[in-house]
């Protein structure tokens, strides 16, 4: 399972995207816009390719509040994505 303490804080995400991988699943968090609101965009997709090289139909993307609570919710979502789509396949 992914651990919240391994992820970057909101201040980091204000300027940079955060990427990682976990047992066959890659993921990315970045600052996005939804209307006039700033949101935390989070994506999960299968290895081996990076975000830009992976076809859109292979990515699962969700948005969360751009806050520490939003990061915690995104990590929970990534863990669910892993369990539902990647566990036992590597």
C-alpha atoms as a PDB file:
ATOM      1  CA  UNK A   1       0.000   0.000   0.000  1.00  0.00           C
ATOM      2  CA  UNK A   2       1.008   3.557  -0.627  1.00  0.00           C
ATOM      3  CA  UNK A   3       1.771   5.561   2.519  1.00  0.00           C
ATOM      4  CA  UNK A   4       0.589   9.163   2.820  1.00  0.00           C
ATOM      5  CA  UNK A   5       3.884  10.137   4.471  1.00  0.00           C
ATOM      6  CA  UNK A   6       5.759   9.309   1.250  1.00  0.00           C
ATOM      7  CA  UNK A   7       3.887  11.976  -0.743  1.00  0.00           C
ATOM      8  CA  UNK A   8       4.844  15.588  -1.264  1.00  0.00           C
ATOM      9  CA  UNK A   9       3.013  18.376   0.576  1.00  0.00           C
ATOM     10  CA  UNK A  10       0.678  20.913  -1.028  1.00  0.00           C
ATOM     11  CA  UNK A  11       3.455  23.516  -1.285  1.00  0.00           C
ATOM     12  CA  UNK A  12       5.464  21.173  -3.535  1.00  0.00           C
ATOM     13  CA  UNK A  13       2.439  20.428  -5.704  1.00  0.00           C
ATOM     14  CA  UNK A  14       1.859  24.155  -6.254  1.00  0.00           C
ATOM     15  CA  UNK A  15       4.930  24.166  -8.504  1.00  0.00           C
ATOM     16  CA  UNK A  16       5.658  20.592  -9.588  1.00  0.00           C
ATOM     17  CA  UNK A  17       3.849  17.389 -10.462  1.00  0.00           C
ATOM     18  CA  UNK A  18       4.610  14.391  -8.269  1.00  0.00           C
ATOM     19  CA  UNK A  19       4.999  10.987  -9.903  1.00  0.00           C
ATOM     20  CA  UNK A  20       5.680   7.484  -8.695  1.00  0.00           C
ATOM     21  CA  UNK A  21       4.974   3.822  -9.211  1.00  0.00           C
ATOM     22  CA  UNK A  22       3.829   0.889  -7.134  1.00  0.00           C
ATOM     23  CA  UNK A  23       3.974  -2.733  -8.302  1.00  0.00           C
ATOM     24  CA  UNK A  24       2.788  -2.259 -11.867  1.00  0.00           C
ATOM     25  CA  UNK A  25       0.803   0.957 -11.344  1.00  0.00           C
ATOM     26  CA  UNK A  26       2.164   4.380 -12.125  1.00  0.00           C
ATOM     27  CA  UNK A  27       0.626   7.545 -10.703  1.00  0.00           C
ATOM     28  CA  UNK A  28       0.846  11.303 -10.949  1.00  0.00           C
ATOM     29  CA  UNK A  29      -0.492  14.220  -8.861  1.00  0.00           C
ATOM     30  CA  UNK A  30      -0.545  17.795 -10.111  1.00  0.00           C
ATOM     31  CA  UNK A  31      -2.241  21.136  -9.628  1.00  0.00           C
ATOM     32  CA  UNK A  32      -5.155  21.642 -11.992  1.00  0.00           C
ATOM     33  CA  UNK A  33      -8.051  23.999 -12.573  1.00  0.00           C
ATOM     34  CA  UNK A  34     -11.771  23.261 -12.475  1.00  0.00           C
ATOM     35  CA  UNK A  35     -13.555  26.424 -13.480  1.00  0.00           C
ATOM     36  CA  UNK A  36     -12.133  29.043 -11.142  1.00  0.00           C
ATOM     37  CA  UNK A  37     -11.109  26.503  -8.479  1.00  0.00           C
ATOM     38  CA  UNK A  38      -7.678  24.971  -7.987  1.00  0.00           C
ATOM     39  CA  UNK A  39      -7.895  21.191  -7.662  1.00  0.00           C
ATOM     40  CA  UNK A  40      -5.559  18.272  -7.114  1.00  0.00           C
ATOM     41  CA  UNK A  41      -5.581  16.080 -10.210  1.00  0.00           C
ATOM     42  CA  UNK A  42      -4.512  12.474  -9.694  1.00  0.00           C
ATOM     43  CA  UNK A  43      -4.015   9.799 -12.332  1.00  0.00           C
ATOM     44  CA  UNK A  44      -3.206   6.088 -12.263  1.00  0.00           C
ATOM     45  CA  UNK A  45      -2.198   3.954 -15.246  1.00  0.00           C
ATOM     46  CA  UNK A  46      -0.367   0.674 -15.973  1.00  0.00           C
ATOM     47  CA  UNK A  47       3.391   0.475 -16.341  1.00  0.00           C
ATOM     48  CA  UNK A  48       5.727   0.620 -18.214  1.00  0.00           C
ATOM     49  CA  UNK A  49       5.293   4.052 -19.817  1.00  0.00           C
ATOM     50  CA  UNK A  50       5.234   7.522 -18.329  1.00  0.00           C
ATOM     51  CA  UNK A  51       2.203   9.814 -18.236  1.00  0.00           C
ATOM     52  CA  UNK A  52       2.828  11.541 -21.570  1.00  0.00           C
ATOM     53  CA  UNK A  53       3.542   8.294 -23.448  1.00  0.00           C
ATOM     54  CA  UNK A  54       0.487   6.415 -22.150  1.00  0.00           C
ATOM     55  CA  UNK A  55      -2.736   6.572 -24.186  1.00  0.00           C
ATOM     56  CA  UNK A  56      -5.525   8.529 -22.481  1.00  0.00           C
ATOM     57  CA  UNK A  57      -7.856   5.519 -22.471  1.00  0.00           C
ATOM     58  CA  UNK A  58      -5.427   3.661 -20.174  1.00  0.00           C
ATOM     59  CA  UNK A  59      -5.395   6.448 -17.564  1.00  0.00           C
ATOM     60  CA  UNK A  60      -7.873   6.757 -14.728  1.00  0.00           C
ATOM     61  CA  UNK A  61      -8.044  10.388 -13.543  1.00  0.00           C
ATOM     62  CA  UNK A  62      -9.794  11.877 -10.516  1.00  0.00           C
ATOM     63  CA  UNK A  63      -9.794  15.302  -8.892  1.00  0.00           C
ATOM     64  CA  UNK A  64      -9.633  16.214  -5.217  1.00  0.00           C
ATOM     65  CA  UNK A  65      -9.459  19.324  -3.040  1.00  0.00           C
ATOM     66  CA  UNK A  66      -6.112  21.060  -3.340  1.00  0.00           C
ATOM     67  CA  UNK A  67      -5.251  20.614   0.339  1.00  0.00           C
ATOM     68  CA  UNK A  68      -3.579  18.204   2.745  1.00  0.00           C
ATOM     69  CA  UNK A  69      -6.948  16.465   3.138  1.00  0.00           C
ATOM     70  CA  UNK A  70      -7.191  16.229  -0.651  1.00  0.00           C
ATOM     71  CA  UNK A  71      -3.783  14.562  -0.822  1.00  0.00           C
ATOM     72  CA  UNK A  72      -4.897  12.038   1.828  1.00  0.00           C
ATOM     73  CA  UNK A  73      -8.082  11.329  -0.170  1.00  0.00           C
ATOM     74  CA  UNK A  74      -6.026  10.953  -3.368  1.00  0.00           C
ATOM     75  CA  UNK A  75      -3.673   8.444  -1.695  1.00  0.00           C
ATOM     76  CA  UNK A  76      -6.715   6.456  -0.503  1.00  0.00           C
ATOM     77  CA  UNK A  77      -8.073   6.539  -4.064  1.00  0.00           C
ATOM     78  CA  UNK A  78      -4.717   5.364  -5.471  1.00  0.00           C
ATOM     79  CA  UNK A  79      -4.689   2.479  -2.999  1.00  0.00           C
ATOM     80  CA  UNK A  80      -8.189   1.482  -4.141  1.00  0.00           C
ATOM     81  CA  UNK A  81      -7.083   1.724  -7.776  1.00  0.00           C
ATOM     82  CA  UNK A  82      -4.172  -0.562  -7.016  1.00  0.00           C
ATOM     83  CA  UNK A  83      -6.319  -3.137  -5.198  1.00  0.00           C
ATOM     84  CA  UNK A  84      -9.025  -3.124  -7.892  1.00  0.00           C
ATOM     85  CA  UNK A  85      -6.845  -3.039 -11.009  1.00  0.00           C
ATOM     86  CA  UNK A  86      -3.233  -4.045 -10.317  1.00  0.00           C
ATOM     87  CA  UNK A  87      -2.916  -6.298  -7.230  1.00  0.00           C
ATOM     88  CA  UNK A  88      -1.840  -9.794  -8.140  1.00  0.00           C
ATOM     89  CA  UNK A  89      -1.053  -8.895 -11.764  1.00  0.00           C
ATOM     90  CA  UNK A  90       2.673  -8.293 -11.439  1.00  0.00           C
END
